[in-house]
Amino acid sequence: MAIEELIQLAKNGDRQSLHELIERHIMIVERFAFQIGVSANDVEDVTQEVFIRVYRFLEQYTGKTFTTWLYKITLNVARDHFKKIKRQHTKEQLLLHHQQLSEEHVESTIFSREEDAALHRLILQLDEKYKFPLVLFYFHDKKIEEIAMILSLPVSTVKTRLVRARAKLKKQLQTIGGETNATR
């Protein structure tokens, strides 16, 4: 069944259509939330909140691109989640919390290679303004125009942020590579 048909049926109260809509998109939401920094322990809660908002605001969906709308909601829920964490914990407590997570288990199931996990850690260190466009472009295959819509930014700003994000990652990778070569 086409997405637009599912959406219309869900708007009309068809719970099975809503369930199918969620099932088709849950992995995208979970992956994006994790990639932009939501901890493995919180991905499920964030994803649940995303689909609660989809349900609550489905009537407001204008019929453009559902995935773009879904990415925007996910981004907003993730930002709210990050704000909540900052209010609840000091920076030191937050670092301790992240260290206690079973990152090895999460990364081994999500990443197939050690280099991917290292790159993920470097991406998480980037400021949001660089991290979000980078993840959307490279890991979710979004076009620059769609990223601009998701982030509510001009296309030129997205292009600039992508260039700067790549430069920052390249510099970090060269630093790590230099350290590795120096220790040999």
N, C-alpha and C. Protein backbone atom coordinates (compact mmCIF):
# COMPACT_ATOMS: atom_id res chain seq x y z
N MET A 1 0.85 -1.17 0.00
CA MET A 1 0.00 0.00 0.00
C MET A 1 0.90 1.24 0.00
N ALA A 2 0.52 2.25 -0.75
CA ALA A 2 1.31 3.48 -0.86
C ALA A 2 1.25 4.27 0.46
N ILE A 3 2.32 4.99 0.72
CA ILE A 3 2.43 5.78 1.96
C ILE A 3 1.28 6.77 2.09
N GLU A 4 0.98 7.47 1.02
CA GLU A 4 -0.08 8.48 1.08
C GLU A 4 -1.44 7.84 1.42
N GLU A 5 -1.67 6.64 0.91
CA GLU A 5 -2.92 5.93 1.21
C GLU A 5 -2.94 5.52 2.69
N LEU A 6 -1.81 5.02 3.18
CA LEU A 6 -1.71 4.65 4.60
C LEU A 6 -1.97 5.86 5.49
N ILE A 7 -1.38 6.97 5.12
CA ILE A 7 -1.54 8.20 5.91
C ILE A 7 -3.00 8.62 5.95
N GLN A 8 -3.63 8.57 4.80
CA GLN A 8 -5.05 8.98 4.74
C GLN A 8 -5.92 8.05 5.59
N LEU A 9 -5.67 6.76 5.50
CA LEU A 9 -6.44 5.80 6.30
C LEU A 9 -6.17 6.02 7.80
N ALA A 10 -4.91 6.28 8.15
CA ALA A 10 -4.56 6.54 9.55
C ALA A 10 -5.24 7.82 10.04
N LYS A 11 -5.29 8.83 9.19
CA LYS A 11 -5.98 10.08 9.55
C LYS A 11 -7.46 9.83 9.82
N ASN A 12 -8.01 8.85 9.11
CA ASN A 12 -9.43 8.52 9.28
C ASN A 12 -9.67 7.55 10.43
N GLY A 13 -8.61 7.26 11.20
CA GLY A 13 -8.78 6.44 12.40
C GLY A 13 -8.47 4.97 12.24
N ASP A 14 -7.95 4.56 11.10
CA ASP A 14 -7.61 3.15 10.88
C ASP A 14 -6.32 2.83 11.62
N ARG A 15 -6.45 2.11 12.73
CA ARG A 15 -5.29 1.80 13.58
C ARG A 15 -4.30 0.88 12.87
N GLN A 16 -4.77 -0.04 12.06
CA GLN A 16 -3.87 -0.95 11.34
C GLN A 16 -2.98 -0.17 10.38
N SER A 17 -3.52 0.83 9.73
CA SER A 17 -2.72 1.65 8.82
C SER A 17 -1.68 2.44 9.58
N LEU A 18 -2.07 2.96 10.74
CA LEU A 18 -1.11 3.68 11.58
C LEU A 18 0.00 2.73 12.02
N HIS A 19 -0.37 1.54 12.43
CA HIS A 19 0.62 0.54 12.85
C HIS A 19 1.58 0.22 11.71
N GLU A 20 1.06 0.05 10.51
CA GLU A 20 1.91 -0.26 9.36
C GLU A 20 2.83 0.91 9.02
N LEU A 21 2.32 2.12 9.14
CA LEU A 21 3.12 3.32 8.92
C LEU A 21 4.30 3.35 9.90
N ILE A 22 4.03 3.04 11.14
CA ILE A 22 5.08 3.01 12.17
C ILE A 22 6.08 1.91 11.85
N GLU A 23 5.60 0.73 11.54
CA GLU A 23 6.49 -0.40 11.26
C GLU A 23 7.42 -0.11 10.08
N ARG A 24 6.92 0.59 9.09
CA ARG A 24 7.74 0.91 7.91
C ARG A 24 8.85 1.91 8.24
N HIS A 25 8.65 2.72 9.27
CA HIS A 25 9.59 3.81 9.53
C HIS A 25 10.34 3.72 10.86
N ILE A 26 10.06 2.73 11.67
CA ILE A 26 10.65 2.67 13.00
C ILE A 26 12.17 2.55 12.96
N MET A 27 12.70 1.76 12.05
CA MET A 27 14.15 1.57 11.97
C MET A 27 14.85 2.87 11.56
N ILE A 28 14.23 3.64 10.67
CA ILE A 28 14.81 4.91 10.24
C ILE A 28 14.91 5.85 11.44
N VAL A 29 13.84 5.93 12.22
CA VAL A 29 13.82 6.82 13.38
C VAL A 29 14.84 6.37 14.41
N GLU A 30 14.89 5.08 14.71
CA GLU A 30 15.84 4.58 15.71
C GLU A 30 17.28 4.84 15.28
N ARG A 31 17.58 4.55 14.03
CA ARG A 31 18.94 4.74 13.53
C ARG A 31 19.34 6.21 13.56
N PHE A 32 18.46 7.07 13.08
CA PHE A 32 18.76 8.51 13.06
C PHE A 32 18.94 9.03 14.47
N ALA A 33 18.08 8.65 15.38
CA ALA A 33 18.19 9.12 16.77
C ALA A 33 19.53 8.69 17.37
N PHE A 34 19.91 7.45 17.16
CA PHE A 34 21.19 6.96 17.69
C PHE A 34 22.36 7.71 17.05
N GLN A 35 22.28 7.90 15.74
CA GLN A 35 23.38 8.53 15.03
C GLN A 35 23.58 10.00 15.41
N ILE A 36 22.53 10.66 15.87
CA ILE A 36 22.70 12.06 16.27
C ILE A 36 22.97 12.20 17.76
N GLY A 37 23.14 11.07 18.45
CA GLY A 37 23.62 11.15 19.82
C GLY A 37 22.70 10.68 20.92
N VAL A 38 21.52 10.19 20.59
CA VAL A 38 20.64 9.64 21.63
C VAL A 38 21.27 8.33 22.10
N SER A 39 21.43 8.17 23.39
CA SER A 39 22.08 6.97 23.91
C SER A 39 21.26 5.73 23.58
N ALA A 40 21.96 4.61 23.54
CA ALA A 40 21.29 3.34 23.21
C ALA A 40 20.16 3.04 24.19
N ASN A 41 20.34 3.43 25.44
CA ASN A 41 19.30 3.19 26.45
C ASN A 41 18.06 4.05 26.22
N ASP A 42 18.21 5.17 25.54
CA ASP A 42 17.10 6.11 25.37
C ASP A 42 16.47 6.09 23.97
N VAL A 43 17.08 5.36 23.04
CA VAL A 43 16.57 5.34 21.67
C VAL A 43 15.11 4.89 21.62
N GLU A 44 14.78 3.86 22.38
CA GLU A 44 13.41 3.34 22.36
C GLU A 44 12.41 4.39 22.86
N ASP A 45 12.77 5.09 23.94
CA ASP A 45 11.88 6.13 24.48
C ASP A 45 11.71 7.28 23.50
N VAL A 46 12.80 7.70 22.88
CA VAL A 46 12.74 8.79 21.90
C VAL A 46 11.89 8.37 20.71
N THR A 47 12.10 7.15 20.25
CA THR A 47 11.32 6.64 19.11
C THR A 47 9.84 6.59 19.44
N GLN A 48 9.52 6.15 20.63
CA GLN A 48 8.12 6.10 21.06
C GLN A 48 7.53 7.51 21.06
N GLU A 49 8.27 8.47 21.58
CA GLU A 49 7.77 9.86 21.60
C GLU A 49 7.59 10.40 20.19
N VAL A 50 8.48 10.03 19.28
CA VAL A 50 8.34 10.47 17.88
C VAL A 50 7.01 9.99 17.32
N PHE A 51 6.69 8.72 17.53
CA PHE A 51 5.46 8.19 16.94
C PHE A 51 4.21 8.65 17.70
N ILE A 52 4.36 9.02 18.95
CA ILE A 52 3.23 9.65 19.65
C ILE A 52 2.93 10.98 19.00
N ARG A 53 3.98 11.74 18.69
CA ARG A 53 3.78 13.03 18.02
C ARG A 53 3.24 12.85 16.61
N VAL A 54 3.70 11.82 15.91
CA VAL A 54 3.15 11.55 14.58
C VAL A 54 1.66 11.32 14.69
N TYR A 55 1.25 10.50 15.65
CA TYR A 55 -0.17 10.22 15.86
C TYR A 55 -0.94 11.50 16.21
N ARG A 56 -0.39 12.27 17.15
CA ARG A 56 -1.08 13.49 17.60
C ARG A 56 -1.21 14.54 16.50
N PHE A 57 -0.20 14.63 15.63
CA PHE A 57 -0.17 15.71 14.65
C PHE A 57 -0.37 15.24 13.21
N LEU A 58 -0.81 14.00 13.04
CA LEU A 58 -1.01 13.46 11.69
C LEU A 58 -2.00 14.31 10.88
N GLU A 59 -2.97 14.85 11.56
CA GLU A 59 -3.94 15.71 10.87
C GLU A 59 -3.29 16.95 10.27
N GLN A 60 -2.18 17.38 10.85
CA GLN A 60 -1.48 18.58 10.37
C GLN A 60 -0.51 18.26 9.23
N TYR A 61 -0.26 16.99 8.97
CA TYR A 61 0.64 16.61 7.89
C TYR A 61 0.05 17.11 6.58
N THR A 62 0.87 17.83 5.82
CA THR A 62 0.38 18.52 4.62
C THR A 62 0.48 17.70 3.35
N GLY A 63 1.10 16.54 3.42
CA GLY A 63 1.14 15.71 2.23
C GLY A 63 2.34 15.95 1.35
N LYS A 64 3.37 16.62 1.86
CA LYS A 64 4.58 16.80 1.05
C LYS A 64 5.37 15.51 1.10
N THR A 65 6.45 15.45 1.81
CA THR A 65 7.25 14.23 1.93
C THR A 65 7.16 13.74 3.36
N PHE A 66 6.58 12.56 3.54
CA PHE A 66 6.38 12.03 4.88
C PHE A 66 7.69 11.85 5.62
N THR A 67 8.71 11.32 4.94
CA THR A 67 9.98 11.09 5.64
C THR A 67 10.63 12.40 6.08
N THR A 68 10.49 13.45 5.30
CA THR A 68 11.03 14.75 5.71
C THR A 68 10.34 15.21 6.98
N TRP A 69 9.04 15.07 7.02
CA TRP A 69 8.25 15.45 8.20
C TRP A 69 8.67 14.59 9.40
N LEU A 70 8.89 13.31 9.16
CA LEU A 70 9.30 12.39 10.21
C LEU A 70 10.69 12.73 10.75
N TYR A 71 11.62 13.07 9.87
CA TYR A 71 12.95 13.49 10.31
C TYR A 71 12.87 14.76 11.17
N LYS A 72 12.02 15.69 10.77
CA LYS A 72 11.86 16.92 11.56
C LYS A 72 11.35 16.61 12.96
N ILE A 73 10.36 15.75 13.03
CA ILE A 73 9.81 15.37 14.33
C ILE A 73 10.89 14.67 15.16
N THR A 74 11.62 13.76 14.56
CA THR A 74 12.69 13.05 15.27
C THR A 74 13.74 14.02 15.78
N LEU A 75 14.11 14.96 14.96
CA LEU A 75 15.09 15.97 15.36
C LEU A 75 14.58 16.79 16.54
N ASN A 76 13.33 17.20 16.50
CA ASN A 76 12.75 17.98 17.60
C ASN A 76 12.65 17.16 18.88
N VAL A 77 12.25 15.91 18.77
CA VAL A 77 12.17 15.05 19.96
C VAL A 77 13.57 14.83 20.54
N ALA A 78 14.54 14.60 19.67
CA ALA A 78 15.92 14.40 20.14
C ALA A 78 16.44 15.66 20.84
N ARG A 79 16.16 16.82 20.25
CA ARG A 79 16.60 18.07 20.89
C ARG A 79 15.94 18.24 22.26
N ASP A 80 14.66 17.94 22.34
CA ASP A 80 13.97 18.01 23.64
C ASP A 80 14.60 17.03 24.63
N HIS A 81 14.94 15.87 24.14
CA HIS A 81 15.58 14.85 24.98
C HIS A 81 16.93 15.36 25.50
N PHE A 82 17.71 15.97 24.61
CA PHE A 82 19.02 16.49 25.02
C PHE A 82 18.87 17.59 26.07
N LYS A 83 17.88 18.45 25.89
CA LYS A 83 17.64 19.52 26.87
C LYS A 83 17.26 18.93 28.22
N LYS A 84 16.44 17.90 28.19
CA LYS A 84 16.01 17.24 29.42
C LYS A 84 17.22 16.66 30.16
N ILE A 85 18.09 16.02 29.42
CA ILE A 85 19.29 15.44 30.03
C ILE A 85 20.16 16.53 30.65
N LYS A 86 20.32 17.63 29.94
CA LYS A 86 21.15 18.71 30.47
C LYS A 86 20.56 19.29 31.76
N ARG A 87 19.25 19.36 31.83
CA ARG A 87 18.62 19.87 33.04
C ARG A 87 18.80 18.90 34.20
N GLN A 88 18.80 17.62 33.93
CA GLN A 88 18.83 16.61 34.99
C GLN A 88 20.23 16.30 35.50
N HIS A 89 21.22 16.52 34.71
CA HIS A 89 22.57 16.10 35.09
C HIS A 89 23.59 17.21 34.86
N THR A 90 24.61 17.20 35.66
CA THR A 90 25.75 18.07 35.38
C THR A 90 26.55 17.41 34.27
N LYS A 91 27.47 18.14 33.73
CA LYS A 91 28.25 17.59 32.62
C LYS A 91 29.02 16.34 33.06
N GLU A 92 29.56 16.34 34.25
CA GLU A 92 30.30 15.18 34.74
C GLU A 92 29.40 13.97 34.89
N GLN A 93 28.20 14.16 35.40
CA GLN A 93 27.27 13.04 35.56
C GLN A 93 26.87 12.49 34.20
N LEU A 94 26.71 13.37 33.24
CA LEU A 94 26.34 12.93 31.90
C LEU A 94 27.46 12.09 31.29
N LEU A 95 28.70 12.51 31.45
CA LEU A 95 29.82 11.72 30.95
C LEU A 95 29.87 10.36 31.62
N LEU A 96 29.67 10.32 32.92
CA LEU A 96 29.67 9.06 33.66
C LEU A 96 28.56 8.14 33.14
N HIS A 97 27.40 8.71 32.91
CA HIS A 97 26.26 7.94 32.40
C HIS A 97 26.62 7.29 31.07
N HIS A 98 27.22 8.06 30.16
CA HIS A 98 27.57 7.52 28.85
C HIS A 98 28.65 6.44 28.95
N GLN A 99 29.57 6.58 29.90
CA GLN A 99 30.60 5.57 30.07
C GLN A 99 30.01 4.27 30.59
N GLN A 100 28.96 4.34 31.38
CA GLN A 100 28.35 3.15 31.96
C GLN A 100 27.53 2.37 30.95
N LEU A 101 27.18 2.98 29.85
CA LEU A 101 26.39 2.28 28.83
C LEU A 101 27.21 1.13 28.25
N SER A 102 26.55 0.14 27.85
CA SER A 102 27.24 -0.99 27.22
C SER A 102 27.49 -0.67 25.76
N GLU A 103 28.39 0.31 25.53
CA GLU A 103 28.66 0.77 24.18
C GLU A 103 29.20 -0.34 23.28
N GLU A 104 30.01 -1.23 23.84
CA GLU A 104 30.56 -2.29 23.01
C GLU A 104 29.44 -3.15 22.41
N HIS A 105 28.45 -3.46 23.22
CA HIS A 105 27.33 -4.27 22.73
C HIS A 105 26.55 -3.53 21.67
N VAL A 106 26.22 -2.28 21.93
CA VAL A 106 25.44 -1.49 20.98
C VAL A 106 26.21 -1.33 19.68
N GLU A 107 27.46 -0.94 19.78
CA GLU A 107 28.25 -0.71 18.58
C GLU A 107 28.48 -1.99 17.79
N SER A 108 28.64 -3.12 18.47
CA SER A 108 28.87 -4.36 17.74
C SER A 108 27.63 -4.77 16.95
N THR A 109 26.45 -4.42 17.45
CA THR A 109 25.24 -4.78 16.71
C THR A 109 24.92 -3.78 15.61
N ILE A 110 25.31 -2.53 15.79
CA ILE A 110 25.00 -1.50 14.79
C ILE A 110 26.12 -1.35 13.77
N PHE A 111 27.36 -1.44 14.22
CA PHE A 111 28.50 -1.25 13.33
C PHE A 111 29.17 -2.57 13.04
N SER A 112 29.49 -2.81 11.81
CA SER A 112 30.11 -4.07 11.45
C SER A 112 31.63 -4.00 11.52
N ARG A 113 32.18 -2.80 11.55
CA ARG A 113 33.63 -2.67 11.58
C ARG A 113 34.05 -1.68 12.65
N GLU A 114 35.23 -1.88 13.18
CA GLU A 114 35.75 -1.02 14.23
C GLU A 114 35.92 0.43 13.73
N GLU A 115 36.28 0.59 12.47
CA GLU A 115 36.46 1.93 11.92
C GLU A 115 35.14 2.70 11.92
N ASP A 116 34.04 1.99 11.65
CA ASP A 116 32.73 2.64 11.66
C ASP A 116 32.40 3.16 13.06
N ALA A 117 32.72 2.37 14.07
CA ALA A 117 32.46 2.78 15.45
C ALA A 117 33.31 3.99 15.82
N ALA A 118 34.56 4.00 15.39
CA ALA A 118 35.44 5.14 15.67
C ALA A 118 34.92 6.39 14.97
N LEU A 119 34.49 6.24 13.73
CA LEU A 119 33.93 7.38 13.00
C LEU A 119 32.66 7.89 13.69
N HIS A 120 31.83 6.98 14.16
CA HIS A 120 30.61 7.38 14.87
C HIS A 120 30.95 8.21 16.10
N ARG A 121 31.96 7.78 16.86
CA ARG A 121 32.36 8.55 18.05
C ARG A 121 32.85 9.95 17.66
N LEU A 122 33.57 10.05 16.55
CA LEU A 122 34.04 11.36 16.10
C LEU A 122 32.87 12.24 15.67
N ILE A 123 31.91 11.65 14.98
CA ILE A 123 30.74 12.42 14.54
C ILE A 123 29.96 12.93 15.74
N LEU A 124 29.83 12.12 16.78
CA LEU A 124 29.10 12.54 17.98
C LEU A 124 29.77 13.71 18.69
N GLN A 125 31.07 13.89 18.48
CA GLN A 125 31.79 14.99 19.10
C GLN A 125 31.55 16.31 18.39
N LEU A 126 31.03 16.27 17.17
CA LEU A 126 30.76 17.49 16.42
C LEU A 126 29.60 18.27 17.04
N ASP A 127 29.60 19.58 16.84
CA ASP A 127 28.46 20.40 17.24
C ASP A 127 27.24 19.94 16.45
N GLU A 128 26.05 20.16 17.03
CA GLU A 128 24.80 19.78 16.36
C GLU A 128 24.71 20.34 14.95
N LYS A 129 25.14 21.58 14.78
CA LYS A 129 24.98 22.23 13.48
C LYS A 129 25.77 21.52 12.38
N TYR A 130 26.80 20.76 12.75
CA TYR A 130 27.56 19.98 11.78
C TYR A 130 27.11 18.51 11.77
N LYS A 131 26.80 17.99 12.95
CA LYS A 131 26.44 16.57 13.10
C LYS A 131 25.15 16.24 12.34
N PHE A 132 24.10 17.03 12.54
CA PHE A 132 22.81 16.71 11.94
C PHE A 132 22.85 16.66 10.41
N PRO A 133 23.39 17.69 9.73
CA PRO A 133 23.43 17.60 8.27
C PRO A 133 24.31 16.45 7.77
N LEU A 134 25.42 16.19 8.46
CA LEU A 134 26.33 15.13 8.08
C LEU A 134 25.65 13.76 8.14
N VAL A 135 24.96 13.49 9.23
CA VAL A 135 24.27 12.21 9.39
C VAL A 135 23.16 12.06 8.35
N LEU A 136 22.39 13.11 8.15
CA LEU A 136 21.31 13.04 7.16
C LEU A 136 21.85 12.81 5.75
N PHE A 137 22.94 13.48 5.41
CA PHE A 137 23.49 13.39 4.06
C PHE A 137 24.13 12.03 3.80
N TYR A 138 25.01 11.60 4.69
CA TYR A 138 25.79 10.39 4.43
C TYR A 138 25.15 9.09 4.90
N PHE A 139 24.36 9.14 5.95
CA PHE A 139 23.82 7.90 6.49
C PHE A 139 22.35 7.70 6.17
N HIS A 140 21.68 8.76 5.73
CA HIS A 140 20.26 8.65 5.39
C HIS A 140 20.00 9.07 3.95
N ASP A 141 21.07 9.33 3.21
CA ASP A 141 21.00 9.62 1.77
C ASP A 141 20.01 10.73 1.42
N LYS A 142 19.97 11.75 2.26
CA LYS A 142 19.09 12.88 1.99
C LYS A 142 19.81 13.89 1.10
N LYS A 143 19.06 14.47 0.19
CA LYS A 143 19.61 15.52 -0.67
C LYS A 143 19.73 16.81 0.15
N ILE A 144 20.59 17.67 -0.29
CA ILE A 144 20.85 18.92 0.43
C ILE A 144 19.56 19.73 0.59
N GLU A 145 18.72 19.75 -0.43
CA GLU A 145 17.47 20.50 -0.36
C GLU A 145 16.54 19.94 0.73
N GLU A 146 16.51 18.61 0.83
CA GLU A 146 15.66 17.98 1.85
C GLU A 146 16.22 18.23 3.25
N ILE A 147 17.54 18.19 3.38
CA ILE A 147 18.17 18.49 4.66
C ILE A 147 17.83 19.92 5.07
N ALA A 148 17.86 20.82 4.12
CA ALA A 148 17.52 22.22 4.40
C ALA A 148 16.08 22.32 4.92
N MET A 149 15.18 21.54 4.34
CA MET A 149 13.79 21.55 4.81
C MET A 149 13.69 20.96 6.21
N ILE A 150 14.38 19.84 6.45
CA ILE A 150 14.32 19.17 7.75
C ILE A 150 14.84 20.08 8.85
N LEU A 151 15.97 20.76 8.57
CA LEU A 151 16.62 21.60 9.57
C LEU A 151 16.13 23.05 9.56
N SER A 152 15.24 23.36 8.64
CA SER A 152 14.72 24.73 8.48
C SER A 152 15.86 25.73 8.29
N LEU A 153 16.74 25.40 7.34
CA LEU A 153 17.89 26.24 7.03
C LEU A 153 17.94 26.52 5.53
N PRO A 154 18.62 27.59 5.14
CA PRO A 154 18.83 27.80 3.70
C PRO A 154 19.76 26.72 3.13
N VAL A 155 19.61 26.41 1.86
CA VAL A 155 20.42 25.40 1.20
C VAL A 155 21.90 25.75 1.31
N SER A 156 22.24 27.02 1.15
CA SER A 156 23.64 27.45 1.21
C SER A 156 24.24 27.17 2.59
N THR A 157 23.46 27.32 3.64
CA THR A 157 23.94 27.05 5.00
C THR A 157 24.22 25.57 5.17
N VAL A 158 23.34 24.73 4.64
CA VAL A 158 23.55 23.28 4.73
C VAL A 158 24.84 22.90 3.99
N LYS A 159 25.04 23.45 2.80
CA LYS A 159 26.25 23.15 2.03
C LYS A 159 27.49 23.56 2.82
N THR A 160 27.47 24.75 3.40
CA THR A 160 28.60 25.23 4.17
C THR A 160 28.87 24.34 5.37
N ARG A 161 27.81 23.95 6.07
CA ARG A 161 27.98 23.11 7.25
C ARG A 161 28.52 21.73 6.88
N LEU A 162 28.10 21.20 5.75
CA LEU A 162 28.64 19.91 5.30
C LEU A 162 30.13 20.01 4.99
N VAL A 163 30.52 21.08 4.31
CA VAL A 163 31.94 21.27 4.00
C VAL A 163 32.75 21.39 5.29
N ARG A 164 32.26 22.17 6.22
CA ARG A 164 32.97 22.35 7.49
C ARG A 164 32.99 21.07 8.32
N ALA A 165 31.90 20.32 8.30
CA ALA A 165 31.85 19.06 9.04
C ALA A 165 32.88 18.08 8.49
N ARG A 166 32.95 17.99 7.16
CA ARG A 166 33.93 17.09 6.54
C ARG A 166 35.36 17.53 6.90
N ALA A 167 35.59 18.83 6.89
CA ALA A 167 36.93 19.34 7.23
C ALA A 167 37.28 19.01 8.68
N LYS A 168 36.32 19.18 9.58
CA LYS A 168 36.56 18.87 11.00
C LYS A 168 36.84 17.38 11.20
N LEU A 169 36.07 16.53 10.53
CA LEU A 169 36.29 15.10 10.63
C LEU A 169 37.65 14.70 10.05
N LYS A 170 37.99 15.30 8.91
CA LYS A 170 39.28 15.00 8.29
C LYS A 170 40.42 15.38 9.23
N LYS A 171 40.30 16.53 9.87
CA LYS A 171 41.34 16.98 10.80
C LYS A 171 41.43 16.01 11.99
N GLN A 172 40.28 15.60 12.53
CA GLN A 172 40.28 14.65 13.65
C GLN A 172 40.90 13.32 13.24
N LEU A 173 40.57 12.84 12.05
CA LEU A 173 41.11 11.57 11.57
C LEU A 173 42.62 11.67 11.34
N GLN A 174 43.08 12.80 10.84
CA GLN A 174 44.52 12.98 10.65
C GLN A 174 45.23 13.03 12.00
N THR A 175 44.61 13.66 12.98
CA THR A 175 45.19 13.71 14.32
C THR A 175 45.31 12.30 14.90
N ILE A 176 44.24 11.53 14.76
CA ILE A 176 44.25 10.16 15.26
C ILE A 176 45.28 9.32 14.50
N GLY A 177 45.31 9.49 13.18
CA GLY A 177 46.29 8.77 12.37
C GLY A 177 47.71 9.12 12.74
N GLY A 178 47.97 10.38 13.04
CA GLY A 178 49.29 10.82 13.46
C GLY A 178 49.68 10.22 14.79
N GLU A 179 48.72 10.12 15.70
CA GLU A 179 48.98 9.53 17.01
C GLU A 179 49.27 8.05 16.87
N THR A 180 48.53 7.38 15.98
CA THR A 180 48.73 5.95 15.78
C THR A 180 50.10 5.69 15.18
N ASN A 181 50.50 6.50 14.19
CA ASN A 181 51.80 6.32 13.57
C ASN A 181 52.93 6.65 14.53
N ALA A 182 52.73 7.61 15.41
CA ALA A 182 53.77 8.01 16.36
C ALA A 182 54.00 6.93 17.40
N THR A 183 52.97 6.15 17.70
CA THR A 183 53.12 5.11 18.73
C THR A 183 53.73 3.84 18.17
N ARG A 184 53.84 3.73 16.87
CA ARG A 184 54.39 2.50 16.25
C ARG A 184 55.88 2.51 16.26
